[in-house]
Amino acid sequence: MSPTIKIAAVAILTAVTALFTFVRVPFAPTRGYFNLSDVAIFFSALTIGPFTALLAGGLGTAMADIISGYAQWAPISFVVHGLQGLVIGLLARRGGVLNLSMGAAAGIVTMCAGYLLAGWWMVGLGAALAEVPINLLQNLAGIIGGVSLHLAIKKAYPPIAGINW
């Protein structure tokens, strides 16, 4: 794949991830929020690949944090969601239900554990633990939405399979 296509894919999916992060429902106890960023991250990892998902997931969520007044979380979002996209993409890249399931499970653990540890450090253990069910729901939405989009785009536009990075 040409460098121009790689850059374009990362730029577009970074913007999509940021946009999906703005679709959110506030969670009062921690001042955090449920959002749809994981839909874009799962889609990126499954459709384009692990390295695009690493960059788009990390950059998109960090940009959304900065723009929406959560700048203190931007470095954490960059690392956690970037790693989430990377592990999903690396484990699911061979295809098949088992690999997809392993990628999804690893992505969920990466995101939930990353935010649990970061939340413990930033707002305390009680608040961080209160976020775990919200993060699990967010990942469930990510799996359902991301896999659905992946299958629809792959069917409607088969050449997308050639853009893998």
C-alpha atoms as a PDB file:
ATOM      1  CA  MET A   1       0.000   0.000   0.000  1.00  0.00           C
ATOM      2  CA  SER A   2       1.327   3.429  -0.890  1.00  0.00           C
ATOM      3  CA  PRO A   3       2.289   5.872   1.868  1.00  0.00           C
ATOM      4  CA  THR A   4      -0.329   8.312   0.568  1.00  0.00           C
ATOM      5  CA  ILE A   5      -3.125   5.784   1.066  1.00  0.00           C
ATOM      6  CA  LYS A   6      -1.812   4.906   4.545  1.00  0.00           C
ATOM      7  CA  ILE A   7      -1.771   8.565   5.564  1.00  0.00           C
ATOM      8  CA  ALA A   8      -5.242   9.151   4.122  1.00  0.00           C
ATOM      9  CA  ALA A   9      -6.669   6.076   5.883  1.00  0.00           C
ATOM     10  CA  VAL A  10      -5.187   7.126   9.224  1.00  0.00           C
ATOM     11  CA  ALA A  11      -6.405  10.725   8.802  1.00  0.00           C
ATOM     12  CA  ILE A  12      -9.947   9.732   7.853  1.00  0.00           C
ATOM     13  CA  LEU A  13     -10.262   7.122  10.600  1.00  0.00           C
ATOM     14  CA  THR A  14      -8.763   9.497  13.178  1.00  0.00           C
ATOM     15  CA  ALA A  15     -11.471  12.020  12.312  1.00  0.00           C
ATOM     16  CA  VAL A  16     -14.158   9.317  12.429  1.00  0.00           C
ATOM     17  CA  THR A  17     -12.895   8.135  15.827  1.00  0.00           C
ATOM     18  CA  ALA A  18     -12.924  11.689  17.198  1.00  0.00           C
ATOM     19  CA  LEU A  19     -16.430  12.229  15.829  1.00  0.00           C
ATOM     20  CA  PHE A  20     -17.701   8.965  17.357  1.00  0.00           C
ATOM     21  CA  THR A  21     -16.142   9.997  20.690  1.00  0.00           C
ATOM     22  CA  PHE A  22     -18.400  13.060  20.704  1.00  0.00           C
ATOM     23  CA  VAL A  23     -21.473  10.783  20.631  1.00  0.00           C
ATOM     24  CA  ARG A  24     -21.584  10.361  24.390  1.00  0.00           C
ATOM     25  CA  VAL A  25     -23.668   9.972  27.514  1.00  0.00           C
ATOM     26  CA  PRO A  26     -22.225  11.570  30.689  1.00  0.00           C
ATOM     27  CA  PHE A  27     -21.640   9.401  33.754  1.00  0.00           C
ATOM     28  CA  ALA A  28     -22.061  11.638  36.818  1.00  0.00           C
ATOM     29  CA  PRO A  29     -20.126   9.774  39.550  1.00  0.00           C
ATOM     30  CA  THR A  30     -16.792  10.165  37.767  1.00  0.00           C
ATOM     31  CA  ARG A  31     -17.579  13.000  35.341  1.00  0.00           C
ATOM     32  CA  GLY A  32     -16.618  10.565  32.582  1.00  0.00           C
ATOM     33  CA  TYR A  33     -18.856   9.422  29.775  1.00  0.00           C
ATOM     34  CA  PHE A  34     -19.985   6.485  27.660  1.00  0.00           C
ATOM     35  CA  ASN A  35     -19.139   7.110  23.991  1.00  0.00           C
ATOM     36  CA  LEU A  36     -19.003   5.354  20.632  1.00  0.00           C
ATOM     37  CA  SER A  37     -15.240   5.640  20.012  1.00  0.00           C
ATOM     38  CA  ASP A  38     -14.880   1.875  20.301  1.00  0.00           C
ATOM     39  CA  VAL A  39     -17.125   1.394  17.259  1.00  0.00           C
ATOM     40  CA  ALA A  40     -14.563   3.289  15.173  1.00  0.00           C
ATOM     41  CA  ILE A  41     -11.623   1.521  16.831  1.00  0.00           C
ATOM     42  CA  PHE A  42     -13.025  -1.974  16.229  1.00  0.00           C
ATOM     43  CA  PHE A  43     -13.941  -0.994  12.657  1.00  0.00           C
ATOM     44  CA  SER A  44     -10.438   0.395  11.989  1.00  0.00           C
ATOM     45  CA  ALA A  45      -8.710  -2.652  13.457  1.00  0.00           C
ATOM     46  CA  LEU A  46     -10.818  -5.158  11.537  1.00  0.00           C
ATOM     47  CA  THR A  47     -11.092  -3.321   8.229  1.00  0.00           C
ATOM     48  CA  ILE A  48      -7.751  -1.578   7.738  1.00  0.00           C
ATOM     49  CA  GLY A  49      -5.443  -3.189  10.290  1.00  0.00           C
ATOM     50  CA  PRO A  50      -3.628  -2.897  13.607  1.00  0.00           C
ATOM     51  CA  PHE A  51      -1.313   0.016  12.869  1.00  0.00           C
ATOM     52  CA  THR A  52      -4.063   2.209  11.455  1.00  0.00           C
ATOM     53  CA  ALA A  53      -6.195   1.347  14.505  1.00  0.00           C
ATOM     54  CA  LEU A  54      -3.274   2.168  16.813  1.00  0.00           C
ATOM     55  CA  LEU A  55      -2.898   5.643  15.345  1.00  0.00           C
ATOM     56  CA  ALA A  56      -6.558   6.428  14.640  1.00  0.00           C
ATOM     57  CA  GLY A  57      -7.754   5.089  17.998  1.00  0.00           C
ATOM     58  CA  GLY A  58      -5.096   6.920  19.971  1.00  0.00           C
ATOM     59  CA  LEU A  59      -5.123  10.201  18.077  1.00  0.00           C
ATOM     60  CA  GLY A  60      -8.896  10.376  17.598  1.00  0.00           C
ATOM     61  CA  THR A  61      -9.791   9.854  21.247  1.00  0.00           C
ATOM     62  CA  ALA A  62      -6.995  12.134  22.484  1.00  0.00           C
ATOM     63  CA  MET A  63      -8.111  14.916  20.121  1.00  0.00           C
ATOM     64  CA  ALA A  64     -11.703  14.539  21.309  1.00  0.00           C
ATOM     65  CA  ASP A  65     -10.565  14.736  24.947  1.00  0.00           C
ATOM     66  CA  ILE A  66      -8.642  17.945  24.280  1.00  0.00           C
ATOM     67  CA  ILE A  67     -11.466  19.580  22.314  1.00  0.00           C
ATOM     68  CA  SER A  68     -14.140  18.660  24.873  1.00  0.00           C
ATOM     69  CA  GLY A  69     -12.298  19.837  27.985  1.00  0.00           C
ATOM     70  CA  TYR A  70     -10.828  16.540  29.173  1.00  0.00           C
ATOM     71  CA  ALA A  71      -7.235  17.377  28.229  1.00  0.00           C
ATOM     72  CA  GLN A  72      -5.884  15.686  31.358  1.00  0.00           C
ATOM     73  CA  TRP A  73      -7.175  12.382  29.939  1.00  0.00           C
ATOM     74  CA  ALA A  74      -5.758  12.877  26.422  1.00  0.00           C
ATOM     75  CA  PRO A  75      -2.397  11.118  27.012  1.00  0.00           C
ATOM     76  CA  ILE A  76      -4.199   8.230  28.712  1.00  0.00           C
ATOM     77  CA  SER A  77      -6.753   7.941  25.899  1.00  0.00           C
ATOM     78  CA  PHE A  78      -3.950   8.062  23.343  1.00  0.00           C
ATOM     79  CA  VAL A  79      -2.138   5.129  24.961  1.00  0.00           C
ATOM     80  CA  VAL A  80      -5.134   3.042  26.062  1.00  0.00           C
ATOM     81  CA  HIS A  81      -7.237   3.324  22.902  1.00  0.00           C
ATOM     82  CA  GLY A  82      -4.165   3.112  20.683  1.00  0.00           C
ATOM     83  CA  LEU A  83      -3.126  -0.155  22.340  1.00  0.00           C
ATOM     84  CA  GLN A  84      -6.723  -1.363  22.209  1.00  0.00           C
ATOM     85  CA  GLY A  85      -6.810  -0.896  18.427  1.00  0.00           C
ATOM     86  CA  LEU A  86      -3.398  -2.500  18.015  1.00  0.00           C
ATOM     87  CA  VAL A  87      -4.215  -5.667  19.971  1.00  0.00           C
ATOM     88  CA  ILE A  88      -7.613  -6.087  18.317  1.00  0.00           C
ATOM     89  CA  GLY A  89      -6.044  -5.733  14.882  1.00  0.00           C
ATOM     90  CA  LEU A  90      -3.078  -8.005  15.566  1.00  0.00           C
ATOM     91  CA  LEU A  91      -5.171 -10.836  16.987  1.00  0.00           C
ATOM     92  CA  ALA A  92      -8.085 -10.573  14.542  1.00  0.00           C
ATOM     93  CA  ARG A  93      -6.053 -10.090  11.359  1.00  0.00           C
ATOM     94  CA  ARG A  94      -6.030 -13.793  10.412  1.00  0.00           C
ATOM     95  CA  GLY A  95      -9.818 -13.812  10.241  1.00  0.00           C
ATOM     96  CA  GLY A  96     -12.287 -16.291  11.627  1.00  0.00           C
ATOM     97  CA  VAL A  97     -14.558 -16.210  14.624  1.00  0.00           C
ATOM     98  CA  LEU A  98     -11.910 -17.474  17.070  1.00  0.00           C
ATOM     99  CA  ASN A  99      -9.351 -14.818  16.111  1.00  0.00           C
ATOM    100  CA  LEU A 100     -12.011 -12.102  16.148  1.00  0.00           C
ATOM    101  CA  SER A 101     -13.159 -13.267  19.588  1.00  0.00           C
ATOM    102  CA  MET A 102      -9.596 -13.289  20.922  1.00  0.00           C
ATOM    103  CA  GLY A 103      -8.977  -9.828  19.485  1.00  0.00           C
ATOM    104  CA  ALA A 104     -12.209  -8.482  20.942  1.00  0.00           C
ATOM    105  CA  ALA A 105     -11.494  -9.986  24.369  1.00  0.00           C
ATOM    106  CA  ALA A 106      -7.945  -8.629  24.406  1.00  0.00           C
ATOM    107  CA  GLY A 107      -9.188  -5.212  23.278  1.00  0.00           C
ATOM    108  CA  ILE A 108     -11.782  -5.139  26.052  1.00  0.00           C
ATOM    109  CA  VAL A 109      -9.221  -6.132  28.692  1.00  0.00           C
ATOM    110  CA  THR A 110      -6.724  -3.564  27.384  1.00  0.00           C
ATOM    111  CA  MET A 111      -9.230  -0.711  27.460  1.00  0.00           C
ATOM    112  CA  CYS A 112     -10.896  -1.599  30.763  1.00  0.00           C
ATOM    113  CA  ALA A 113      -7.634  -2.330  32.592  1.00  0.00           C
ATOM    114  CA  GLY A 114      -5.968   0.770  31.159  1.00  0.00           C
ATOM    115  CA  TYR A 115      -8.760   3.077  32.272  1.00  0.00           C
ATOM    116  CA  LEU A 116      -9.103   1.318  35.630  1.00  0.00           C
ATOM    117  CA  LEU A 117      -5.426   1.917  36.411  1.00  0.00           C
ATOM    118  CA  ALA A 118      -5.462   5.461  35.044  1.00  0.00           C
ATOM    119  CA  GLY A 119      -8.718   6.269  36.830  1.00  0.00           C
ATOM    120  CA  TRP A 120      -7.360   4.915  40.100  1.00  0.00           C
ATOM    121  CA  TRP A 121      -4.420   7.279  39.723  1.00  0.00           C
ATOM    122  CA  MET A 122      -6.503  10.265  38.528  1.00  0.00           C
ATOM    123  CA  VAL A 123      -9.739  10.079  40.561  1.00  0.00           C
ATOM    124  CA  GLY A 124      -9.359   7.244  43.077  1.00  0.00           C
ATOM    125  CA  LEU A 125     -10.156   3.548  43.134  1.00  0.00           C
ATOM    126  CA  GLY A 126     -13.877   3.894  43.935  1.00  0.00           C
ATOM    127  CA  ALA A 127     -14.584   6.152  40.974  1.00  0.00           C
ATOM    128  CA  ALA A 128     -12.392   4.031  38.701  1.00  0.00           C
ATOM    129  CA  LEU A 129     -14.295   0.880  39.683  1.00  0.00           C
ATOM    130  CA  ALA A 130     -17.608   2.665  39.012  1.00  0.00           C
ATOM    131  CA  GLU A 131     -16.449   3.223  35.414  1.00  0.00           C
ATOM    132  CA  VAL A 132     -15.795  -0.484  34.693  1.00  0.00           C
ATOM    133  CA  PRO A 133     -19.420  -1.402  33.817  1.00  0.00           C
ATOM    134  CA  ILE A 134     -19.666   1.690  31.595  1.00  0.00           C
ATOM    135  CA  ASN A 135     -16.431   0.719  29.831  1.00  0.00           C
ATOM    136  CA  LEU A 136     -17.699  -2.833  29.339  1.00  0.00           C
ATOM    137  CA  LEU A 137     -20.929  -1.500  27.773  1.00  0.00           C
ATOM    138  CA  GLN A 138     -18.903   0.850  25.594  1.00  0.00           C
ATOM    139  CA  ASN A 139     -16.849  -2.096  24.353  1.00  0.00           C
ATOM    140  CA  LEU A 140     -19.973  -4.159  23.711  1.00  0.00           C
ATOM    141  CA  ALA A 141     -21.291  -1.302  21.570  1.00  0.00           C
ATOM    142  CA  GLY A 142     -17.878  -1.190  19.890  1.00  0.00           C
ATOM    143  CA  ILE A 143     -17.983  -4.871  19.005  1.00  0.00           C
ATOM    144  CA  ILE A 144     -21.554  -4.784  17.704  1.00  0.00           C
ATOM    145  CA  GLY A 145     -21.155  -1.537  15.776  1.00  0.00           C
ATOM    146  CA  GLY A 146     -17.581  -2.087  14.601  1.00  0.00           C
ATOM    147  CA  VAL A 147     -18.130  -5.635  13.358  1.00  0.00           C
ATOM    148  CA  SER A 148     -21.422  -4.640  11.683  1.00  0.00           C
ATOM    149  CA  LEU A 149     -19.781  -1.716   9.882  1.00  0.00           C
ATOM    150  CA  HIS A 150     -16.807  -3.887   8.927  1.00  0.00           C
ATOM    151  CA  LEU A 151     -19.023  -6.556   7.364  1.00  0.00           C
ATOM    152  CA  ALA A 152     -21.202  -3.998   5.561  1.00  0.00           C
ATOM    153  CA  ILE A 153     -18.255  -2.039   4.118  1.00  0.00           C
ATOM    154  CA  LYS A 154     -16.367  -5.202   3.166  1.00  0.00           C
ATOM    155  CA  LYS A 155     -19.436  -6.476   1.290  1.00  0.00           C
ATOM    156  CA  ALA A 156     -20.310  -3.146  -0.367  1.00  0.00           C
ATOM    157  CA  TYR A 157     -16.725  -2.224  -1.250  1.00  0.00           C
ATOM    158  CA  PRO A 158     -14.520  -5.349  -1.616  1.00  0.00           C
ATOM    159  CA  PRO A 159     -11.370  -3.370  -2.637  1.00  0.00           C
ATOM    160  CA  ILE A 160     -11.158  -2.107   0.954  1.00  0.00           C
ATOM    161  CA  ALA A 161      -9.454  -5.424   1.759  1.00  0.00           C
ATOM    162  CA  GLY A 162      -6.431  -4.187  -0.208  1.00  0.00           C
ATOM    163  CA  ILE A 163      -5.934  -1.305   2.239  1.00  0.00           C
ATOM    164  CA  ASN A 164      -4.404  -3.213   5.124  1.00  0.00           C
ATOM    165  CA  TRP A 165      -1.894  -1.690   7.497  1.00  0.00           C
END
